[in-house]
């Protein structure tokens, strides 16, 4: 998926899982390989052409993913920064269902040590 399509699908996943369920998101460096690296034997020299990130999201049933490259051409850094700013705003808007930490357990531990 393209990044903008990914963001709209991610918004739909968040809306679907708002009342019950979870959305799992992973972000990792992507070197462009589609096959795993062999364990032993001949070692291939592989140099990625540019920096890429692999974004994945799933709710357990539906999986979406996209590859984000920093090679956008003219004004690439500004566009890259705007796209990730939109991604972070989307995460902030939909992470309101997180549970607060229980402060009672912290007080019990400190009393137990005294």
N, C-alpha and C. Protein backbone atom coordinates (compact mmCIF):
# COMPACT_ATOMS: atom_id res chain seq x y z
N UNK A 1 0.83 -1.19 0.00
CA UNK A 1 0.00 0.00 0.00
C UNK A 1 0.87 1.25 0.00
N UNK A 2 0.35 2.31 -0.55
CA UNK A 2 1.01 3.60 -0.43
C UNK A 2 0.78 4.12 0.98
N UNK A 3 1.61 5.07 1.39
CA UNK A 3 1.54 5.53 2.78
C UNK A 3 0.20 6.18 3.09
N UNK A 4 -0.35 6.97 2.18
CA UNK A 4 -1.63 7.61 2.45
C UNK A 4 -2.75 6.57 2.53
N UNK A 5 -2.71 5.56 1.68
CA UNK A 5 -3.69 4.47 1.76
C UNK A 5 -3.52 3.71 3.07
N UNK A 6 -2.28 3.52 3.47
CA UNK A 6 -2.00 2.83 4.73
C UNK A 6 -2.60 3.60 5.90
N UNK A 7 -2.45 4.92 5.89
CA UNK A 7 -2.98 5.74 6.98
C UNK A 7 -4.50 5.68 7.04
N UNK A 8 -5.16 5.67 5.89
CA UNK A 8 -6.62 5.57 5.89
C UNK A 8 -7.07 4.19 6.37
N UNK A 9 -6.38 3.13 5.95
CA UNK A 9 -6.72 1.78 6.41
C UNK A 9 -6.44 1.64 7.91
N UNK A 10 -5.37 2.27 8.38
CA UNK A 10 -5.06 2.23 9.81
C UNK A 10 -6.13 2.95 10.61
N UNK A 11 -6.64 4.05 10.09
CA UNK A 11 -7.74 4.75 10.74
C UNK A 11 -8.96 3.86 10.84
N UNK A 12 -9.26 3.13 9.77
CA UNK A 12 -10.39 2.20 9.79
C UNK A 12 -10.19 1.09 10.80
N UNK A 13 -8.95 0.58 10.90
CA UNK A 13 -8.66 -0.46 11.90
C UNK A 13 -8.88 0.06 13.32
N UNK A 14 -8.41 1.28 13.58
CA UNK A 14 -8.60 1.87 14.91
C UNK A 14 -10.08 2.06 15.22
N UNK A 15 -10.85 2.52 14.24
CA UNK A 15 -12.28 2.73 14.47
C UNK A 15 -13.00 1.41 14.71
N UNK A 16 -12.60 0.37 13.99
CA UNK A 16 -13.22 -0.94 14.15
C UNK A 16 -12.92 -1.53 15.52
N UNK A 17 -11.73 -1.28 16.04
CA UNK A 17 -11.31 -1.87 17.32
C UNK A 17 -11.48 -0.91 18.49
N UNK A 18 -12.23 0.18 18.29
CA UNK A 18 -12.36 1.17 19.37
C UNK A 18 -13.08 0.59 20.59
N UNK A 19 -14.16 -0.14 20.40
CA UNK A 19 -14.91 -0.65 21.55
C UNK A 19 -14.26 -1.89 22.16
N UNK A 20 -13.81 -2.81 21.31
CA UNK A 20 -13.13 -3.99 21.84
C UNK A 20 -12.12 -4.46 20.82
N UNK A 21 -11.00 -4.93 21.31
CA UNK A 21 -9.95 -5.41 20.43
C UNK A 21 -8.70 -4.56 20.54
N UNK A 22 -7.66 -4.99 19.85
CA UNK A 22 -6.38 -4.29 19.88
C UNK A 22 -5.83 -4.18 18.48
N UNK A 23 -5.00 -3.16 18.29
CA UNK A 23 -4.29 -2.98 17.03
C UNK A 23 -2.80 -3.04 17.36
N UNK A 24 -2.08 -3.89 16.66
CA UNK A 24 -0.65 -4.05 16.87
C UNK A 24 0.08 -3.40 15.70
N UNK A 25 1.03 -2.53 16.02
CA UNK A 25 1.78 -1.80 14.99
C UNK A 25 3.25 -2.10 15.17
N UNK A 26 3.93 -2.39 14.07
CA UNK A 26 5.38 -2.58 14.10
C UNK A 26 6.01 -1.67 13.07
N UNK A 27 7.18 -1.18 13.41
CA UNK A 27 7.97 -0.33 12.53
C UNK A 27 9.39 -0.84 12.61
N UNK A 28 9.97 -1.22 11.47
CA UNK A 28 11.33 -1.71 11.49
C UNK A 28 12.06 -1.32 10.22
N UNK A 29 13.35 -1.37 10.27
CA UNK A 29 14.17 -1.06 9.11
C UNK A 29 14.02 -2.16 8.08
N UNK A 30 13.93 -1.75 6.82
CA UNK A 30 13.70 -2.69 5.73
C UNK A 30 14.80 -2.51 4.70
N UNK A 31 15.48 -3.59 4.35
CA UNK A 31 16.59 -3.48 3.40
C UNK A 31 16.20 -3.87 1.98
N UNK A 32 14.97 -4.25 1.75
CA UNK A 32 14.52 -4.57 0.40
C UNK A 32 14.58 -6.03 0.04
N UNK A 33 15.03 -6.87 0.96
CA UNK A 33 15.12 -8.30 0.67
C UNK A 33 13.74 -8.93 0.76
N UNK A 34 13.50 -9.86 -0.14
CA UNK A 34 12.25 -10.61 -0.10
C UNK A 34 12.49 -12.06 0.32
N UNK A 35 13.75 -12.48 0.31
CA UNK A 35 14.11 -13.84 0.72
C UNK A 35 14.98 -13.76 1.96
N UNK A 36 14.92 -14.76 2.83
CA UNK A 36 15.74 -14.73 4.03
C UNK A 36 17.23 -14.90 3.71
N UNK A 37 18.06 -14.41 4.60
CA UNK A 37 19.51 -14.52 4.46
C UNK A 37 19.92 -15.95 4.79
N UNK A 38 20.74 -16.61 3.95
CA UNK A 38 21.16 -17.99 4.26
C UNK A 38 22.03 -18.03 5.51
N UNK A 39 21.90 -19.10 6.29
CA UNK A 39 22.64 -19.21 7.54
C UNK A 39 24.13 -19.45 7.29
N UNK A 40 24.43 -20.43 6.49
CA UNK A 40 25.82 -20.77 6.22
C UNK A 40 26.00 -20.91 4.72
N UNK A 41 27.24 -21.02 4.32
CA UNK A 41 27.49 -21.18 2.90
C UNK A 41 27.95 -19.86 2.29
N UNK A 42 27.55 -19.62 1.07
CA UNK A 42 27.99 -18.42 0.39
C UNK A 42 27.27 -17.19 0.93
N UNK A 43 28.04 -16.15 1.14
CA UNK A 43 27.51 -14.91 1.68
C UNK A 43 27.37 -13.93 0.54
N UNK A 44 26.16 -13.44 0.36
CA UNK A 44 25.92 -12.47 -0.69
C UNK A 44 26.22 -11.08 -0.16
N UNK A 45 26.86 -10.28 -0.98
CA UNK A 45 27.08 -8.89 -0.60
C UNK A 45 25.89 -8.09 -1.11
N UNK A 46 25.10 -7.59 -0.19
CA UNK A 46 23.88 -6.88 -0.54
C UNK A 46 23.91 -5.53 0.15
N UNK A 47 23.85 -4.46 -0.61
CA UNK A 47 23.81 -3.11 -0.07
C UNK A 47 22.49 -2.47 -0.47
N UNK A 48 21.68 -2.05 0.49
CA UNK A 48 20.43 -1.39 0.12
C UNK A 48 20.71 -0.03 -0.53
N UNK A 49 19.90 0.32 -1.50
CA UNK A 49 20.10 1.56 -2.23
C UNK A 49 19.75 2.79 -1.39
N UNK A 50 18.71 2.70 -0.58
CA UNK A 50 18.31 3.83 0.26
C UNK A 50 17.71 3.30 1.56
N UNK A 51 17.46 4.21 2.48
CA UNK A 51 16.89 3.83 3.77
C UNK A 51 15.38 3.62 3.61
N UNK A 52 14.90 2.50 4.12
CA UNK A 52 13.47 2.20 4.05
C UNK A 52 12.99 1.72 5.41
N UNK A 53 11.70 1.96 5.66
CA UNK A 53 11.04 1.48 6.87
C UNK A 53 9.84 0.64 6.46
N UNK A 54 9.63 -0.45 7.18
CA UNK A 54 8.48 -1.30 6.95
C UNK A 54 7.49 -1.06 8.08
N UNK A 55 6.30 -0.61 7.73
CA UNK A 55 5.22 -0.36 8.69
C UNK A 55 4.19 -1.47 8.54
N UNK A 56 3.84 -2.10 9.65
CA UNK A 56 2.82 -3.15 9.63
C UNK A 56 1.82 -2.87 10.73
N UNK A 57 0.56 -3.22 10.45
CA UNK A 57 -0.49 -3.10 11.46
C UNK A 57 -1.45 -4.27 11.29
N UNK A 58 -1.94 -4.78 12.40
CA UNK A 58 -2.89 -5.87 12.37
C UNK A 58 -3.81 -5.78 13.57
N UNK A 59 -5.01 -6.30 13.39
CA UNK A 59 -5.94 -6.43 14.51
C UNK A 59 -6.15 -7.89 14.86
N UNK A 60 -5.35 -8.76 14.30
CA UNK A 60 -5.48 -10.19 14.52
C UNK A 60 -6.18 -10.88 13.36
N UNK A 61 -7.00 -10.14 12.63
CA UNK A 61 -7.71 -10.69 11.49
C UNK A 61 -7.24 -10.07 10.18
N UNK A 62 -7.13 -8.77 10.16
CA UNK A 62 -6.72 -8.07 8.95
C UNK A 62 -5.31 -7.51 9.13
N UNK A 63 -4.48 -7.71 8.11
CA UNK A 63 -3.10 -7.22 8.14
C UNK A 63 -2.91 -6.20 7.03
N UNK A 64 -2.23 -5.10 7.36
CA UNK A 64 -1.86 -4.11 6.35
C UNK A 64 -0.39 -3.77 6.54
N UNK A 65 0.27 -3.42 5.45
CA UNK A 65 1.68 -3.06 5.54
C UNK A 65 2.05 -2.13 4.40
N UNK A 66 3.11 -1.39 4.61
CA UNK A 66 3.64 -0.51 3.57
C UNK A 66 5.13 -0.31 3.81
N UNK A 67 5.82 0.05 2.76
CA UNK A 67 7.25 0.36 2.83
C UNK A 67 7.40 1.85 2.58
N UNK A 68 8.09 2.54 3.48
CA UNK A 68 8.30 3.97 3.36
C UNK A 68 9.76 4.20 3.06
N UNK A 69 10.01 4.92 1.99
CA UNK A 69 11.37 5.23 1.57
C UNK A 69 11.63 6.71 1.76
N UNK A 70 12.88 7.07 2.05
CA UNK A 70 13.21 8.49 2.17
C UNK A 70 13.61 9.09 0.82
N UNK A 71 13.45 8.33 -0.23
CA UNK A 71 13.84 8.78 -1.57
C UNK A 71 12.60 9.27 -2.32
N UNK A 72 12.11 10.46 -1.97
CA UNK A 72 10.94 11.03 -2.62
C UNK A 72 11.30 12.02 -3.73
N UNK A 73 12.55 12.30 -3.91
CA UNK A 73 12.95 13.26 -4.94
C UNK A 73 13.10 14.65 -4.35
N UNK A 74 12.55 15.65 -5.01
CA UNK A 74 12.67 17.04 -4.58
C UNK A 74 11.95 17.23 -3.24
N UNK A 75 12.57 17.98 -2.37
CA UNK A 75 12.08 18.28 -1.01
C UNK A 75 11.66 17.01 -0.28
N UNK A 76 12.49 15.97 -0.39
CA UNK A 76 12.15 14.67 0.17
C UNK A 76 12.04 14.71 1.70
N UNK A 77 12.93 15.45 2.34
CA UNK A 77 12.91 15.45 3.80
C UNK A 77 11.63 16.07 4.33
N UNK A 78 11.19 17.17 3.72
CA UNK A 78 9.96 17.82 4.19
C UNK A 78 8.74 16.92 4.00
N UNK A 79 8.66 16.24 2.87
CA UNK A 79 7.54 15.34 2.61
C UNK A 79 7.57 14.14 3.56
N UNK A 80 8.75 13.58 3.77
CA UNK A 80 8.92 12.47 4.70
C UNK A 80 8.50 12.87 6.11
N UNK A 81 8.90 14.08 6.50
CA UNK A 81 8.57 14.58 7.82
C UNK A 81 7.06 14.82 7.95
N UNK A 82 6.42 15.35 6.93
CA UNK A 82 4.98 15.58 6.97
C UNK A 82 4.20 14.27 7.05
N UNK A 83 4.64 13.26 6.32
CA UNK A 83 3.95 11.98 6.34
C UNK A 83 4.05 11.31 7.70
N UNK A 84 5.23 11.36 8.32
CA UNK A 84 5.36 10.75 9.64
C UNK A 84 4.68 11.60 10.71
N UNK A 85 4.55 12.89 10.48
CA UNK A 85 3.79 13.72 11.41
C UNK A 85 2.31 13.34 11.35
N UNK A 86 1.80 13.08 10.15
CA UNK A 86 0.41 12.62 10.02
C UNK A 86 0.24 11.26 10.70
N UNK A 87 1.23 10.38 10.58
CA UNK A 87 1.20 9.07 11.23
C UNK A 87 1.19 9.22 12.75
N UNK A 88 2.03 10.10 13.29
CA UNK A 88 2.08 10.28 14.74
C UNK A 88 0.80 10.93 15.26
N UNK A 89 0.21 11.85 14.50
CA UNK A 89 -1.07 12.45 14.91
C UNK A 89 -2.17 11.42 14.94
N UNK A 90 -2.16 10.50 13.99
CA UNK A 90 -3.14 9.42 13.96
C UNK A 90 -2.99 8.53 15.18
N UNK A 91 -1.76 8.21 15.56
CA UNK A 91 -1.53 7.38 16.74
C UNK A 91 -1.98 8.09 18.01
N UNK A 92 -1.66 9.37 18.13
CA UNK A 92 -2.06 10.12 19.32
C UNK A 92 -3.58 10.19 19.46
N UNK A 93 -4.27 10.37 18.34
CA UNK A 93 -5.72 10.51 18.38
C UNK A 93 -6.40 9.21 18.77
N UNK A 94 -5.78 8.07 18.49
CA UNK A 94 -6.44 6.79 18.73
C UNK A 94 -5.87 6.02 19.91
N UNK A 95 -4.96 6.59 20.66
CA UNK A 95 -4.42 5.90 21.83
C UNK A 95 -5.03 6.43 23.13
N UNK A 96 -6.30 6.77 23.08
CA UNK A 96 -6.96 7.28 24.27
C UNK A 96 -7.53 6.18 25.15
N UNK A 97 -7.52 4.95 24.69
CA UNK A 97 -8.07 3.85 25.46
C UNK A 97 -7.04 3.13 26.31
N UNK A 98 -5.86 3.69 26.47
CA UNK A 98 -4.83 3.03 27.27
C UNK A 98 -5.18 3.08 28.75
N UNK A 99 -4.82 2.05 29.47
CA UNK A 99 -5.13 1.98 30.89
C UNK A 99 -4.07 2.74 31.68
N UNK A 100 -4.52 3.40 32.75
CA UNK A 100 -3.61 4.13 33.62
C UNK A 100 -2.90 3.13 34.54
N UNK A 101 -1.70 3.51 34.98
CA UNK A 101 -0.96 2.67 35.92
C UNK A 101 -1.63 2.69 37.29
N UNK A 102 -1.56 1.57 37.97
CA UNK A 102 -2.11 1.47 39.30
C UNK A 102 -1.07 1.96 40.30
N UNK A 103 -1.34 3.09 40.95
CA UNK A 103 -0.38 3.67 41.89
C UNK A 103 -0.41 2.98 43.25
N UNK A 104 -1.45 2.21 43.53
CA UNK A 104 -1.56 1.54 44.82
C UNK A 104 -0.47 0.50 45.00
N UNK A 105 -0.13 -0.20 43.92
CA UNK A 105 0.89 -1.24 44.03
C UNK A 105 2.26 -0.63 44.35
N UNK A 106 2.51 0.58 43.87
CA UNK A 106 3.77 1.25 44.16
C UNK A 106 3.87 1.58 45.65
N UNK A 107 2.76 2.04 46.25
CA UNK A 107 2.76 2.35 47.68
C UNK A 107 2.92 1.10 48.52
N UNK A 108 2.32 0.00 48.11
CA UNK A 108 2.44 -1.26 48.85
C UNK A 108 3.88 -1.77 48.84
N UNK A 109 4.56 -1.61 47.71
CA UNK A 109 5.94 -2.07 47.64
C UNK A 109 6.84 -1.25 48.55
N UNK A 110 6.63 0.07 48.60
CA UNK A 110 7.48 0.90 49.44
C UNK A 110 7.24 0.62 50.92
N UNK A 111 5.99 0.31 51.31
CA UNK A 111 5.71 -0.03 52.72
C UNK A 111 6.30 -1.39 53.09
N UNK A 112 6.34 -2.29 52.12
CA UNK A 112 6.88 -3.63 52.39
C UNK A 112 8.38 -3.59 52.62
N UNK A 113 9.06 -2.68 51.97
CA UNK A 113 10.52 -2.61 52.13
C UNK A 113 10.93 -1.93 53.42
N UNK A 114 10.03 -1.13 54.05
CA UNK A 114 10.39 -0.42 55.27
C UNK A 114 10.33 -1.27 56.50
